[in-house]
Amino acid sequence: MRFLAVLYALIALAAASPIGFFDELFKRQRRAPSPGWVNAVSSNSSNSSNSSGGSNSTGYSNSSNASNASNSSSGQGGQTLKLQLIVTGGQLPASSSSWSDVEITTLFNSSRTLNSSQLYEVGKTVNTTLSNSSYSGVAVLANENSLESLGFFLSVVADTNKSVVVGKKAADIVKVANTTYAANRGSLVSSDGYIYSGAVYDPFSAGWGAIGAVYSDAVSWLYSPANATLVATDSSIRTNYSNFTNVDVSNSSLPIVPIVYDGDYDSSLLSSLSGSVQGVVIVSSGNSTTSTITSSSLPIVFASYDEPVWPTDVPMGAIAGGYLSPVKAQLLLTIALVNDVTSSSSLVSVFP
């Protein structure tokens, strides 16, 4: 009876304040790690849960120094690896000058959502850095409006086992990127104290879908390292479209893919757009649409901010965006078109 009472109390707490409930779970993990959690990476400490050698039983060791953001990873010959901090927006704290083993590169300082040209410039810098054995990973500082775009874009174009972390708070993303457990997860987004997979990060659902949390002196993880299904090693994108990691793209070859709302859409719109755009993303008002497509050479993707859009929800000849938001669908379609993936059958295999 006592167990049931405690269980009901926990359920009531989660229902009343889900984000607070998850936050409390993270805090408890720091105080008393349980077998279901990855041990927190605390400042100036190493994981000593394995009495035989102080290493984590999953094969990772937690030896990052969170207090000064230095990376303790070593490369060949015992070389200390560096972290590349790429600035695209936001503000660097004054303390950044004292971060050891962190190299700072400023591409631009935008307060607006990054456009496709800027995203590809970031992608090129990221992939160049990741291919260098002197670096353990990258952290990308961005304005809040660009977190979703950068997180998703890098999850597709950066196929790496190294850490890739995007966020608006420099201290947090450097801290996360310098933890061993940030590797083998694909692109990550750090926002408001939580860590998310860049492939599925939703800026409008704070706390939900988080895979970790950041504190002033620690980083905690909910799950063991894994990639999102969309970009997993055995995914269609990685097995059939490995060229999606191509980031050496000229501005003139970048396709124009507008986002159009379902209520503003009619069949004549495609005719008027066909000469100036290379694809269209239509925002469905729900998980179904009343739009019709008579004939079009343009790739058309239906996506929604509210619910997944499946093949049964879209007109014949259109592509369902699945669980991708319109922004993510626009980015994935852009990446596909850049790499000459234009047929409906091929695009269907790319989208979830």
Protein backbone atom coordinates (compact mmCIF):
# COMPACT_ATOMS: atom_id res chain seq x y z
CA MET A 1 0.00 0.00 0.00
CA ARG A 2 2.80 2.36 0.84
CA PHE A 3 4.41 1.67 -2.56
CA LEU A 4 1.14 2.46 -4.36
CA ALA A 5 0.74 5.69 -2.42
CA VAL A 6 4.23 6.82 -3.44
CA LEU A 7 3.56 5.81 -7.06
CA TYR A 8 0.30 7.79 -7.19
CA ALA A 9 2.07 10.81 -5.72
CA LEU A 10 4.77 10.68 -8.40
CA ILE A 11 2.17 10.40 -11.17
CA ALA A 12 0.28 13.38 -9.77
CA LEU A 13 3.49 15.40 -9.61
CA ALA A 14 4.37 14.57 -13.22
CA ALA A 15 0.88 15.51 -14.43
CA ALA A 16 0.86 18.80 -12.55
CA SER A 17 4.30 19.95 -13.65
CA PRO A 18 6.00 17.67 -16.19
CA ILE A 19 9.00 19.88 -16.81
CA GLY A 20 9.54 20.41 -13.11
CA PHE A 21 9.19 16.67 -12.61
CA PHE A 22 11.92 15.90 -15.17
CA ASP A 23 14.09 18.63 -13.70
CA GLU A 24 13.72 17.00 -10.32
CA LEU A 25 14.73 13.66 -11.81
CA PHE A 26 17.93 15.23 -13.14
CA LYS A 27 18.70 16.75 -9.75
CA ARG A 28 18.20 13.44 -8.02
CA GLN A 29 20.55 11.81 -10.47
CA ARG A 30 23.30 14.16 -9.46
CA ARG A 31 22.80 13.32 -5.80
CA ALA A 32 22.33 9.57 -6.16
CA PRO A 33 22.89 7.99 -9.58
CA SER A 34 20.80 4.93 -10.31
CA PRO A 35 21.59 2.04 -12.70
CA GLY A 36 19.17 3.44 -15.31
CA TRP A 37 21.05 6.70 -15.67
CA VAL A 38 24.41 7.56 -17.15
CA ASN A 39 26.56 8.93 -14.34
CA ALA A 40 26.79 12.71 -14.22
CA VAL A 41 29.99 14.35 -15.37
CA SER A 42 30.93 16.62 -12.49
CA SER A 43 33.62 19.25 -12.23
CA ASN A 44 37.12 18.00 -11.40
CA SER A 45 35.95 14.45 -10.88
CA SER A 46 36.23 11.10 -12.59
CA ASN A 47 33.84 8.19 -12.62
CA SER A 48 34.97 5.69 -10.01
CA SER A 49 31.96 3.38 -9.95
CA ASN A 50 34.07 0.53 -11.35
CA SER A 51 36.33 -0.56 -8.55
CA SER A 52 38.63 -2.45 -10.92
CA GLY A 53 39.80 0.64 -12.72
CA GLY A 54 37.46 3.56 -12.19
CA SER A 55 35.93 3.34 -15.66
CA ASN A 56 32.28 3.33 -16.59
CA SER A 57 30.97 -0.16 -17.35
CA THR A 58 29.48 1.00 -20.65
CA GLY A 59 32.95 1.58 -22.06
CA TYR A 60 33.13 5.34 -21.53
CA SER A 61 35.05 7.20 -18.87
CA ASN A 62 33.80 10.46 -17.41
CA SER A 63 36.86 12.64 -17.09
CA SER A 64 35.80 16.02 -18.45
CA ASN A 65 36.58 19.06 -16.36
CA ALA A 66 33.33 21.00 -16.32
CA SER A 67 34.64 23.87 -14.23
CA ASN A 68 37.11 25.17 -16.81
CA ALA A 69 35.62 23.59 -19.93
CA SER A 70 38.87 21.88 -20.91
CA ASN A 71 38.75 18.63 -22.81
CA SER A 72 40.76 15.81 -21.26
CA SER A 73 40.58 13.56 -24.30
CA SER A 74 43.86 12.53 -25.82
CA GLY A 75 44.77 11.77 -29.39
CA GLN A 76 47.69 9.90 -30.86
CA GLY A 77 50.87 10.19 -28.84
CA GLY A 78 48.99 11.51 -25.82
CA GLN A 79 48.13 14.78 -27.58
CA THR A 80 45.38 16.76 -25.87
CA LEU A 81 42.51 17.25 -28.31
CA LYS A 82 40.98 20.67 -28.92
CA LEU A 83 37.37 21.73 -29.19
CA GLN A 84 36.33 24.13 -31.95
CA LEU A 85 33.80 26.78 -30.91
CA ILE A 86 32.13 28.22 -34.00
CA VAL A 87 30.32 31.53 -33.50
CA THR A 88 27.32 32.26 -35.74
CA GLY A 89 25.33 34.42 -33.33
CA GLY A 90 24.79 35.10 -29.65
CA GLN A 91 27.41 36.46 -27.28
CA LEU A 92 30.65 35.07 -25.96
CA PRO A 93 31.21 35.54 -22.22
CA ALA A 94 34.35 37.36 -21.11
CA SER A 95 35.51 34.14 -19.44
CA SER A 96 35.84 32.44 -22.84
CA SER A 97 39.36 33.82 -23.19
CA SER A 98 40.44 31.60 -20.29
CA TRP A 99 39.02 28.35 -21.68
CA SER A 100 41.88 25.97 -22.30
CA ASP A 101 41.94 23.71 -25.38
CA VAL A 102 39.05 25.64 -26.96
CA GLU A 103 39.66 27.30 -30.33
CA ILE A 104 37.18 30.03 -31.30
CA THR A 105 36.21 30.77 -34.92
CA THR A 106 33.70 33.50 -35.77
CA LEU A 107 31.82 33.03 -39.04
CA PHE A 108 29.17 35.72 -38.52
CA ASN A 109 27.10 37.19 -35.71
CA SER A 110 23.52 36.98 -36.90
CA SER A 111 20.43 37.75 -34.85
CA ARG A 112 18.15 36.31 -37.55
CA THR A 113 17.42 32.75 -38.61
CA LEU A 114 20.36 31.53 -40.67
CA ASN A 115 19.63 31.08 -44.38
CA SER A 116 20.66 28.05 -46.42
CA SER A 117 23.86 29.70 -47.63
CA GLN A 118 24.93 30.42 -44.05
CA LEU A 119 23.98 26.91 -42.94
CA TYR A 120 26.19 25.39 -45.61
CA GLU A 121 29.04 27.67 -44.57
CA VAL A 122 28.66 26.42 -40.99
CA GLY A 123 28.42 22.84 -42.24
CA LYS A 124 31.64 23.21 -44.23
CA THR A 125 33.51 24.56 -41.20
CA VAL A 126 32.09 21.84 -38.96
CA ASN A 127 33.00 18.97 -41.31
CA THR A 128 36.48 20.37 -41.93
CA THR A 129 37.05 20.53 -38.18
CA LEU A 130 35.66 17.06 -37.52
CA SER A 131 37.95 15.55 -40.17
CA ASN A 132 40.97 16.91 -38.29
CA SER A 133 42.32 14.42 -35.75
CA SER A 134 43.43 17.30 -33.50
CA TYR A 135 39.82 18.09 -32.57
CA SER A 136 37.49 16.15 -30.30
CA GLY A 137 34.38 17.91 -31.60
CA VAL A 138 32.66 21.22 -32.26
CA ALA A 139 30.32 23.56 -30.44
CA VAL A 140 28.26 26.03 -32.47
CA LEU A 141 27.07 29.23 -30.78
CA ALA A 142 23.88 30.56 -32.37
CA ASN A 143 20.97 32.90 -31.80
CA GLU A 144 17.79 31.34 -30.48
CA ASN A 145 15.97 31.59 -33.82
CA SER A 146 18.54 29.34 -35.50
CA LEU A 147 18.73 26.46 -33.00
CA GLU A 148 16.22 24.23 -34.78
CA SER A 149 17.71 24.86 -38.23
CA LEU A 150 21.32 24.36 -37.17
CA GLY A 151 20.58 21.35 -35.00
CA PHE A 152 18.70 19.53 -37.76
CA PHE A 153 20.96 20.59 -40.64
CA LEU A 154 24.09 19.40 -38.84
CA SER A 155 22.43 16.13 -37.85
CA VAL A 156 22.17 15.34 -41.58
CA VAL A 157 25.36 16.80 -43.08
CA ALA A 158 27.73 15.89 -40.22
CA ASP A 159 28.09 12.10 -40.12
CA THR A 160 30.50 11.74 -37.22
CA ASN A 161 31.13 9.99 -33.93
CA LYS A 162 32.59 13.17 -32.45
CA SER A 163 30.58 15.63 -30.36
CA VAL A 164 28.56 18.29 -32.19
CA VAL A 165 26.62 20.66 -29.93
CA VAL A 166 24.54 23.70 -30.91
CA GLY A 167 23.22 26.26 -28.44
CA LYS A 168 22.75 29.88 -27.48
CA LYS A 169 24.83 29.74 -24.29
CA ALA A 170 28.54 29.34 -24.94
CA ALA A 171 29.48 27.99 -21.51
CA ASP A 172 26.83 25.26 -21.74
CA ILE A 173 27.65 24.02 -25.23
CA VAL A 174 31.38 23.91 -24.50
CA LYS A 175 30.66 22.00 -21.31
CA VAL A 176 28.39 19.50 -23.07
CA ALA A 177 30.73 19.05 -26.06
CA ASN A 178 33.62 18.31 -23.71
CA THR A 179 31.85 15.41 -22.00
CA THR A 180 32.68 11.96 -23.29
CA TYR A 181 29.01 11.01 -23.45
CA ALA A 182 28.27 13.75 -26.03
CA ALA A 183 29.98 11.62 -28.67
CA ASN A 184 28.13 9.03 -30.77
CA ARG A 185 24.84 10.96 -30.56
CA GLY A 186 24.87 13.01 -33.74
CA SER A 187 24.13 16.72 -33.55
CA LEU A 188 22.83 17.94 -30.18
CA VAL A 189 20.99 21.11 -29.16
CA SER A 190 21.50 22.63 -25.71
CA SER A 191 18.70 25.00 -24.72
CA ASP A 192 17.53 26.36 -21.36
CA GLY A 193 19.35 23.72 -19.35
CA TYR A 194 18.21 20.73 -21.41
CA ILE A 195 19.97 18.70 -24.12
CA TYR A 196 18.12 17.38 -27.17
CA SER A 197 18.87 15.42 -30.32
CA GLY A 198 19.27 17.96 -33.12
CA ALA A 199 17.28 15.72 -35.46
CA VAL A 200 14.09 16.09 -33.42
CA TYR A 201 14.56 19.25 -31.31
CA ASP A 202 11.32 21.23 -31.02
CA PRO A 203 11.82 24.84 -29.88
CA PHE A 204 8.15 25.07 -28.86
CA SER A 205 8.13 22.10 -26.46
CA ALA A 206 10.67 22.96 -23.79
CA GLY A 207 11.75 19.97 -21.73
CA TRP A 208 9.92 17.31 -23.73
CA GLY A 209 12.19 14.88 -25.57
CA ALA A 210 15.26 15.94 -23.60
CA ILE A 211 18.08 13.40 -23.44
CA GLY A 212 20.12 15.24 -20.83
CA ALA A 213 20.53 18.34 -18.70
CA VAL A 214 23.22 20.93 -17.99
CA TYR A 215 24.01 22.36 -14.55
CA SER A 216 26.59 24.87 -13.39
CA ASP A 217 29.01 22.09 -12.49
CA ALA A 218 27.74 18.96 -14.23
CA VAL A 219 26.16 17.39 -17.30
CA SER A 220 23.68 14.53 -16.83
CA TRP A 221 22.36 12.11 -19.45
CA LEU A 222 19.10 10.19 -19.54
CA TYR A 223 20.12 7.65 -22.17
CA SER A 224 23.20 5.86 -23.45
CA PRO A 225 24.69 7.31 -26.67
CA ALA A 226 22.61 6.69 -29.80
CA ASN A 227 21.71 8.48 -33.02
CA ALA A 228 18.20 9.50 -34.04
CA THR A 229 16.62 6.87 -36.31
CA LEU A 230 16.45 9.31 -39.23
CA VAL A 231 20.25 9.55 -39.40
CA ALA A 232 21.28 6.26 -37.78
CA THR A 233 24.00 4.18 -39.40
CA ASP A 234 21.44 1.88 -41.04
CA SER A 235 19.05 4.67 -42.09
CA SER A 236 18.17 5.36 -45.71
CA ILE A 237 20.00 8.68 -45.53
CA ARG A 238 23.27 7.10 -44.41
CA THR A 239 23.11 3.96 -46.56
CA ASN A 240 21.65 5.32 -49.81
CA TYR A 241 22.45 9.03 -49.71
CA SER A 242 25.87 9.33 -48.13
CA ASN A 243 26.49 12.33 -50.41
CA PHE A 244 24.16 14.35 -48.16
CA THR A 245 27.29 15.17 -46.15
CA ASN A 246 28.54 17.18 -49.14
CA VAL A 247 28.83 20.78 -47.94
CA ASP A 248 31.00 22.19 -50.72
CA VAL A 249 28.09 23.97 -52.36
CA SER A 250 28.05 27.28 -54.23
CA ASN A 251 25.35 29.83 -53.51
CA SER A 252 24.18 29.71 -57.12
CA SER A 253 23.38 26.00 -56.84
CA LEU A 254 21.29 26.31 -53.68
CA PRO A 255 17.62 25.54 -54.40
CA ILE A 256 14.78 27.82 -53.36
CA VAL A 257 12.24 25.94 -51.24
CA PRO A 258 9.50 28.19 -49.79
CA ILE A 259 7.13 27.23 -46.99
CA VAL A 260 3.47 27.83 -47.91
CA TYR A 261 0.51 27.54 -45.56
CA ASP A 262 -2.28 25.17 -46.55
CA GLY A 263 -4.91 27.92 -46.39
CA ASP A 264 -2.97 30.01 -48.91
CA TYR A 265 -2.44 27.13 -51.29
CA ASP A 266 -4.31 26.39 -54.51
CA SER A 267 -3.43 24.48 -57.67
CA SER A 268 -2.60 27.65 -59.60
CA LEU A 269 0.12 28.50 -57.08
CA LEU A 270 2.37 25.70 -58.33
CA SER A 271 2.16 26.99 -61.88
CA SER A 272 3.18 30.46 -60.81
CA LEU A 273 6.06 29.15 -58.67
CA SER A 274 7.42 26.44 -60.96
CA GLY A 275 9.75 28.75 -62.83
CA SER A 276 11.37 30.28 -59.77
CA VAL A 277 11.50 27.59 -57.07
CA GLN A 278 12.79 24.02 -56.96
CA GLY A 279 10.48 22.60 -54.31
CA VAL A 280 7.66 23.54 -51.93
CA VAL A 281 6.80 22.69 -48.34
CA ILE A 282 3.11 23.07 -47.51
CA VAL A 283 2.13 23.49 -43.87
CA SER A 284 -0.86 21.26 -43.27
CA SER A 285 -3.42 22.61 -40.80
CA GLY A 286 -3.76 19.17 -39.24
CA ASN A 287 -2.78 15.61 -40.03
CA SER A 288 -4.79 15.68 -43.26
CA THR A 289 -5.23 18.11 -46.12
CA THR A 290 -7.90 19.13 -48.58
CA SER A 291 -5.34 20.42 -51.08
CA THR A 292 -5.23 18.84 -54.51
CA ILE A 293 -2.33 18.46 -56.89
CA THR A 294 -3.26 18.03 -60.52
CA SER A 295 0.24 17.81 -61.97
CA SER A 296 3.56 19.26 -60.97
CA SER A 297 7.22 18.69 -61.68
CA LEU A 298 8.03 20.30 -58.34
CA PRO A 299 8.69 18.13 -55.27
CA ILE A 300 5.94 18.99 -52.78
CA VAL A 301 6.21 18.04 -49.11
CA PHE A 302 3.38 18.36 -46.60
CA ALA A 303 4.39 18.91 -42.97
CA SER A 304 2.77 20.14 -39.78
CA TYR A 305 3.77 21.90 -36.58
CA ASP A 306 1.12 20.03 -34.60
CA GLU A 307 0.98 16.40 -35.71
CA PRO A 308 2.88 13.95 -37.91
CA VAL A 309 1.82 13.89 -41.57
CA TRP A 310 1.73 10.41 -43.12
CA PRO A 311 1.33 9.25 -46.75
CA THR A 312 -2.42 8.69 -46.27
CA ASP A 313 -2.77 12.35 -45.28
CA VAL A 314 -1.40 13.92 -48.47
CA PRO A 315 -2.63 14.18 -52.06
CA MET A 316 -1.34 11.70 -54.62
CA GLY A 317 2.02 12.81 -55.94
CA ALA A 318 2.98 14.68 -52.77
CA ILE A 319 5.45 13.62 -50.08
CA ALA A 320 4.57 13.24 -46.41
CA GLY A 321 6.93 14.98 -44.00
CA GLY A 322 6.27 12.45 -41.25
CA TYR A 323 7.16 13.83 -37.82
CA LEU A 324 9.34 16.61 -39.25
CA SER A 325 8.26 20.19 -38.69
CA PRO A 326 7.90 22.41 -41.78
CA VAL A 327 11.32 23.94 -41.02
CA LYS A 328 13.00 20.53 -40.84
CA ALA A 329 11.13 19.35 -43.95
CA GLN A 330 12.34 22.44 -45.82
CA LEU A 331 15.94 21.74 -44.80
CA LEU A 332 15.82 18.05 -45.69
CA LEU A 333 14.26 18.79 -49.07
CA THR A 334 16.93 21.43 -49.70
CA ILE A 335 19.73 18.99 -48.85
CA ALA A 336 18.18 16.35 -51.12
CA LEU A 337 17.81 18.76 -54.05
CA VAL A 338 21.39 20.02 -53.64
CA ASN A 339 22.49 16.42 -54.17
CA ASP A 340 20.21 15.85 -57.20
CA VAL A 341 17.68 13.70 -55.35
CA THR A 342 14.53 14.92 -57.07
CA SER A 343 12.27 11.99 -57.94
CA SER A 344 9.21 11.39 -55.81
CA SER A 345 10.17 7.78 -55.07
CA SER A 346 13.64 8.75 -53.90
CA LEU A 347 12.37 11.60 -51.74
CA VAL A 348 9.79 9.34 -50.11
CA SER A 349 12.64 7.10 -48.94
CA VAL A 350 14.47 10.09 -47.46
CA PHE A 351 11.61 11.41 -45.32
CA PRO A 352 10.55 9.55 -42.16
